[in-house]
Amino acid sequence: MERKKIRRRKISNKSVSKRKNFRKIQKRKLFFKRCFISVMFLSVVGAIVYGLIFLIGSVFCVKEITTEGNSLYSDTEILDISEIHQGQGMLFLNTSKSEKQLYKSFPYIDSVSIHKQFPNKINIKIETAERTFSIFKDDVYYVFSAKGKLLEKASEMPSETIELRVPEFDIDENSKINYKDEDIEELILGIRNEFLNSGIGSIKIIDITNKSNISVNYDDRISIIIGSGEDLHYKVVTAKEIISNKINQFEKGELDLRNLSKENKSYFTPENR
């Protein structure tokens, strides 16, 4: 068989250029098509998100604000400082920030908690501070709540407070008392609560400058030497029994309970007249 010769046409430079231009045009069209689809997709997603935010915002927005335990400050003052107002979105409301602002701004707020009650209610619960302890320093009395918040400085000690005699302390930026010894605060509260629960009122002084030789002044007439904070409940119950049944109600002196735990003995020494 005879082989046929195949002639190949030589492609001109003009044809090659046309093909390249055609490909560029196609790529450009494809690029713009993809961009258009992406923009449309993002627009649809954006519209859906905006719609959801608008819907959630209209449903979960603050419509009612209540306060509890606020006996010293007006609701208007509380709401102004908290920066919580009707119409705000519930989901993005920073209650922690509002709590801190209220605590710092009002000296006699001992604690505050803000609760979201969905779908549209905010409850602000306030615990009012009471003057409980006083510490004499720098020629003034620092007056504290039971939770250790500085309430005021006074030239005279408020009669309803217990005088604390403690080691070094400082006041932090939140007006809270900080003791160099971290055990001091727990000891003070433990002593106060034990005496209150036992029914022994009229505690005038808690001296805890030495943790191993704690003393409490009762009714400006009996110095109760507790010693360490060990077996505190037993010591306070014993002090209650002795004061109530074995010491004259007008008698003054010193009640030593330091050896109560080891020897089961207490000693009362009347004041010399």
Protein backbone atom coordinates (compact mmCIF):
# COMPACT_ATOMS: atom_id res chain seq x y z
CA MET A 1 0.00 0.00 0.00
CA GLU A 2 1.09 3.42 -0.75
CA ARG A 3 1.56 5.75 2.16
CA LYS A 4 -0.15 9.09 1.86
CA LYS A 5 1.79 12.05 2.84
CA ILE A 6 0.05 14.22 5.42
CA ARG A 7 0.69 17.83 5.08
CA ARG A 8 0.71 19.88 8.23
CA ARG A 9 -0.39 23.39 8.05
CA LYS A 10 1.84 25.86 9.63
CA ILE A 11 -0.10 27.86 12.27
CA SER A 12 0.40 31.49 11.84
CA ASN A 13 1.35 33.81 14.72
CA LYS A 14 -1.94 35.59 14.23
CA SER A 15 -3.94 32.41 14.97
CA VAL A 16 -1.87 31.67 18.09
CA SER A 17 -2.52 35.17 19.38
CA LYS A 18 -6.27 34.81 18.79
CA ARG A 19 -6.35 31.57 20.75
CA LYS A 20 -4.46 33.10 23.66
CA ASN A 21 -6.79 36.08 23.73
CA PHE A 22 -9.81 33.79 23.65
CA ARG A 23 -8.49 31.82 26.63
CA LYS A 24 -7.82 35.01 28.57
CA ILE A 25 -11.34 36.22 27.88
CA GLN A 26 -12.79 32.90 29.03
CA LYS A 27 -10.71 32.95 32.23
CA ARG A 28 -11.76 36.51 32.92
CA LYS A 29 -15.43 35.65 32.43
CA LEU A 30 -15.05 32.65 34.75
CA PHE A 31 -13.34 34.82 37.37
CA PHE A 32 -16.08 37.45 37.31
CA LYS A 33 -18.74 34.74 37.40
CA ARG A 34 -17.17 33.22 40.51
CA CYS A 35 -16.86 36.67 42.13
CA PHE A 36 -20.51 37.39 41.40
CA ILE A 37 -21.58 34.06 42.93
CA SER A 38 -19.42 34.69 46.02
CA VAL A 39 -20.82 38.19 46.48
CA MET A 40 -24.37 36.93 46.11
CA PHE A 41 -23.70 34.11 48.58
CA LEU A 42 -22.20 36.49 51.14
CA SER A 43 -25.08 38.91 50.66
CA VAL A 44 -27.62 36.18 51.30
CA VAL A 45 -25.72 34.94 54.38
CA GLY A 46 -25.37 38.53 55.63
CA ALA A 47 -29.07 39.15 55.19
CA ILE A 48 -29.90 35.96 57.08
CA VAL A 49 -27.51 36.83 59.94
CA TYR A 50 -28.83 40.39 60.13
CA GLY A 51 -32.36 39.06 60.19
CA LEU A 52 -31.54 36.64 62.97
CA ILE A 53 -29.80 39.36 65.01
CA PHE A 54 -32.75 41.67 64.52
CA LEU A 55 -35.18 38.91 65.49
CA ILE A 56 -33.17 37.87 68.56
CA GLY A 57 -32.65 41.51 69.53
CA SER A 58 -36.37 42.25 69.35
CA VAL A 59 -37.27 39.14 71.36
CA PHE A 60 -34.36 39.01 73.86
CA CYS A 61 -34.14 42.67 74.84
CA VAL A 62 -34.43 44.18 78.31
CA LYS A 63 -38.02 45.12 79.06
CA GLU A 64 -38.11 44.83 82.85
CA ILE A 65 -35.45 45.60 85.51
CA THR A 66 -35.99 44.75 89.17
CA THR A 67 -33.79 45.34 92.22
CA GLU A 68 -33.66 43.44 95.52
CA GLY A 69 -32.13 44.45 98.86
CA ASN A 70 -31.52 48.04 97.82
CA SER A 71 -32.46 50.04 100.92
CA LEU A 72 -29.85 52.82 100.82
CA TYR A 73 -29.75 53.97 97.20
CA SER A 74 -32.46 54.83 94.69
CA ASP A 75 -33.20 52.55 91.76
CA THR A 76 -32.33 55.45 89.44
CA GLU A 77 -28.83 55.68 90.95
CA ILE A 78 -28.36 51.93 90.65
CA LEU A 79 -29.44 51.80 87.01
CA ASP A 80 -27.37 54.83 86.01
CA ILE A 81 -24.17 53.34 87.42
CA SER A 82 -24.90 49.81 86.14
CA GLU A 83 -25.52 51.21 82.63
CA ILE A 84 -28.36 48.75 82.16
CA HIS A 85 -31.40 50.21 80.43
CA GLN A 86 -34.56 48.98 78.77
CA GLY A 87 -34.13 48.05 75.13
CA GLN A 88 -30.62 46.63 75.47
CA GLY A 89 -29.92 43.18 74.04
CA MET A 90 -29.91 40.47 76.70
CA LEU A 91 -27.34 38.26 74.99
CA PHE A 92 -24.56 40.81 74.81
CA LEU A 93 -25.17 42.52 78.16
CA ASN A 94 -21.98 42.50 80.27
CA THR A 95 -23.38 41.87 83.76
CA SER A 96 -19.94 41.28 85.27
CA LYS A 97 -18.83 44.78 84.32
CA SER A 98 -22.01 46.27 85.80
CA GLU A 99 -21.51 44.36 89.06
CA LYS A 100 -17.99 45.75 89.46
CA GLN A 101 -19.15 49.30 88.72
CA LEU A 102 -21.87 49.12 91.35
CA TYR A 103 -19.56 47.60 93.97
CA LYS A 104 -16.93 50.31 93.47
CA SER A 105 -19.32 53.25 93.20
CA PHE A 106 -21.41 52.63 96.32
CA PRO A 107 -19.51 52.20 99.63
CA TYR A 108 -22.38 50.48 101.40
CA ILE A 109 -22.96 47.80 98.78
CA ASP A 110 -21.27 44.71 100.21
CA SER A 111 -22.05 42.43 97.28
CA VAL A 112 -24.05 42.60 94.07
CA SER A 113 -25.17 40.00 91.55
CA ILE A 114 -27.03 40.62 88.30
CA HIS A 115 -29.08 37.81 86.77
CA LYS A 116 -30.54 37.53 83.28
CA GLN A 117 -34.02 36.07 83.32
CA PHE A 118 -34.84 35.28 79.71
CA PRO A 119 -36.47 36.39 77.57
CA ASN A 120 -36.47 40.02 78.77
CA LYS A 121 -35.97 40.51 82.52
CA ILE A 122 -32.95 41.64 84.56
CA ASN A 123 -32.74 41.18 88.33
CA ILE A 124 -30.17 43.15 90.35
CA LYS A 125 -29.65 41.63 93.80
CA ILE A 126 -27.84 43.82 96.32
CA GLU A 127 -26.54 43.01 99.78
CA THR A 128 -26.21 46.14 101.89
CA ALA A 129 -23.10 46.44 104.04
CA GLU A 130 -23.32 46.97 107.78
CA ARG A 131 -20.67 48.52 109.99
CA THR A 132 -19.19 45.52 111.77
CA PHE A 133 -15.48 46.05 112.50
CA SER A 134 -13.26 49.04 113.24
CA ILE A 135 -9.47 49.26 113.14
CA PHE A 136 -7.60 52.22 114.57
CA LYS A 137 -4.77 53.40 112.33
CA ASP A 138 -3.20 56.75 111.45
CA ASP A 139 -5.34 58.54 114.07
CA VAL A 140 -8.63 57.43 112.49
CA TYR A 141 -10.93 54.42 112.68
CA TYR A 142 -11.25 52.36 109.49
CA VAL A 143 -14.78 50.99 109.52
CA PHE A 144 -15.39 47.69 107.68
CA SER A 145 -18.26 45.40 106.83
CA ALA A 146 -18.26 41.74 107.88
CA LYS A 147 -16.95 40.88 104.41
CA GLY A 148 -14.02 43.24 104.81
CA LYS A 149 -15.11 46.17 102.65
CA LEU A 150 -14.01 49.62 103.78
CA LEU A 151 -17.13 51.67 104.41
CA GLU A 152 -15.77 54.87 105.88
CA LYS A 153 -13.13 56.52 108.05
CA ALA A 154 -14.30 57.99 111.35
CA SER A 155 -12.75 60.10 114.08
CA GLU A 156 -14.58 58.01 116.69
CA MET A 157 -15.30 54.30 116.66
CA PRO A 158 -18.98 53.53 115.90
CA SER A 159 -20.49 51.96 119.01
CA GLU A 160 -22.03 49.05 117.09
CA THR A 161 -18.69 47.85 115.71
CA ILE A 162 -16.10 45.46 117.16
CA GLU A 163 -12.63 46.85 117.48
CA LEU A 164 -10.06 44.69 115.71
CA ARG A 165 -6.45 44.61 116.78
CA VAL A 166 -4.60 42.96 113.95
CA PRO A 167 -1.15 42.78 112.34
CA GLU A 168 -0.34 44.84 109.25
CA PHE A 169 -2.95 45.28 106.55
CA ASP A 170 -3.67 47.36 103.46
CA ILE A 171 -6.68 48.38 101.39
CA ASP A 172 -6.84 47.28 97.75
CA GLU A 173 -8.35 49.11 94.76
CA ASN A 174 -11.75 47.54 95.47
CA SER A 175 -11.77 48.97 99.02
CA LYS A 176 -11.23 45.50 100.47
CA ILE A 177 -9.00 44.89 103.47
CA ASN A 178 -6.01 42.62 102.85
CA TYR A 179 -4.08 41.12 105.74
CA LYS A 180 -0.44 40.19 105.31
CA ASP A 181 -1.33 36.89 107.01
CA GLU A 182 -4.09 35.23 104.94
CA ASP A 183 -5.38 33.26 107.96
CA ILE A 184 -6.35 36.41 109.87
CA GLU A 185 -9.61 37.09 108.04
CA GLU A 186 -10.85 33.51 108.51
CA LEU A 187 -9.97 33.62 112.21
CA ILE A 188 -11.77 36.92 112.77
CA LEU A 189 -14.97 35.74 111.09
CA GLY A 190 -14.78 32.39 112.87
CA ILE A 191 -14.45 34.04 116.29
CA ARG A 192 -17.26 36.53 115.64
CA ASN A 193 -19.63 33.89 114.31
CA GLU A 194 -18.94 31.47 117.16
CA PHE A 195 -19.73 34.12 119.76
CA LEU A 196 -22.85 35.28 117.92
CA ASN A 197 -24.13 31.73 117.48
CA SER A 198 -23.52 30.94 121.14
CA GLY A 199 -25.63 33.89 122.18
CA ILE A 200 -22.78 35.91 123.68
CA GLY A 201 -23.30 39.45 122.45
CA SER A 202 -21.49 42.60 123.53
CA ILE A 203 -18.14 41.61 122.03
CA LYS A 204 -16.08 44.80 122.13
CA ILE A 205 -12.58 43.80 121.03
CA ILE A 206 -10.98 40.93 119.12
CA ASP A 207 -7.23 41.04 119.59
CA ILE A 208 -5.47 38.84 117.07
CA THR A 209 -2.07 40.54 116.88
CA ASN A 210 -0.64 37.22 118.01
CA LYS A 211 -2.39 34.18 116.49
CA SER A 212 -1.24 31.92 119.32
CA ASN A 213 -2.59 34.26 122.01
CA ILE A 214 -5.95 35.54 120.78
CA SER A 215 -8.15 37.42 123.23
CA VAL A 216 -11.70 38.76 123.18
CA ASN A 217 -13.14 41.52 125.33
CA TYR A 218 -16.66 40.85 126.50
CA ASP A 219 -18.92 43.65 127.70
CA ASP A 220 -15.95 45.86 128.64
CA ARG A 221 -15.47 43.76 131.78
CA ILE A 222 -14.16 40.27 130.96
CA SER A 223 -11.04 39.54 128.92
CA ILE A 224 -11.41 36.06 127.43
CA ILE A 225 -8.01 34.55 126.60
CA ILE A 226 -8.64 32.05 123.81
CA GLY A 227 -5.03 31.26 122.90
CA SER A 228 -4.84 29.65 119.46
CA GLY A 229 -7.80 29.19 117.12
CA GLU A 230 -7.91 25.43 117.73
CA ASP A 231 -11.08 23.97 119.28
CA LEU A 232 -12.66 27.40 118.98
CA HIS A 233 -16.24 26.14 119.27
CA TYR A 234 -15.49 24.24 122.49
CA LYS A 235 -13.78 27.29 124.00
CA VAL A 236 -16.64 29.64 123.14
CA VAL A 237 -19.31 27.25 124.48
CA THR A 238 -17.30 26.95 127.70
CA ALA A 239 -16.98 30.73 127.96
CA LYS A 240 -20.75 31.04 127.52
CA GLU A 241 -21.37 28.53 130.34
CA ILE A 242 -18.98 30.23 132.75
CA ILE A 243 -20.17 33.79 132.02
CA SER A 244 -23.83 32.81 132.30
CA ASN A 245 -23.67 30.62 135.39
CA LYS A 246 -20.45 31.12 137.34
CA ILE A 247 -19.55 34.80 137.11
CA ASN A 248 -21.55 37.63 138.61
CA GLN A 249 -23.09 39.82 135.92
CA PHE A 250 -21.20 42.86 137.22
CA GLU A 251 -17.92 41.11 137.91
CA LYS A 252 -14.77 42.00 136.01
CA GLY A 253 -11.68 39.92 135.35
CA GLU A 254 -9.85 37.55 133.03
CA LEU A 255 -11.11 34.19 131.80
CA ASP A 256 -8.24 32.01 130.62
CA LEU A 257 -9.18 29.21 128.20
CA ARG A 258 -5.75 28.49 126.75
CA ASN A 259 -5.38 25.09 128.43
CA LEU A 260 -8.98 24.02 127.98
CA SER A 261 -8.30 21.59 125.12
CA LYS A 262 -5.33 19.85 126.78
CA GLU A 263 -6.26 19.92 130.48
CA ASN A 264 -10.00 20.54 130.27
CA LYS A 265 -9.49 23.42 132.68
CA SER A 266 -10.30 27.11 132.60
CA TYR A 267 -9.29 29.83 135.02
CA PHE A 268 -11.08 33.01 136.01
CA THR A 269 -9.12 35.71 137.77
CA PRO A 270 -11.27 38.53 139.23
CA GLU A 271 -10.06 42.08 138.75
CA ASN A 272 -8.41 43.57 141.82
CA ARG A 273 -10.56 46.27 143.34
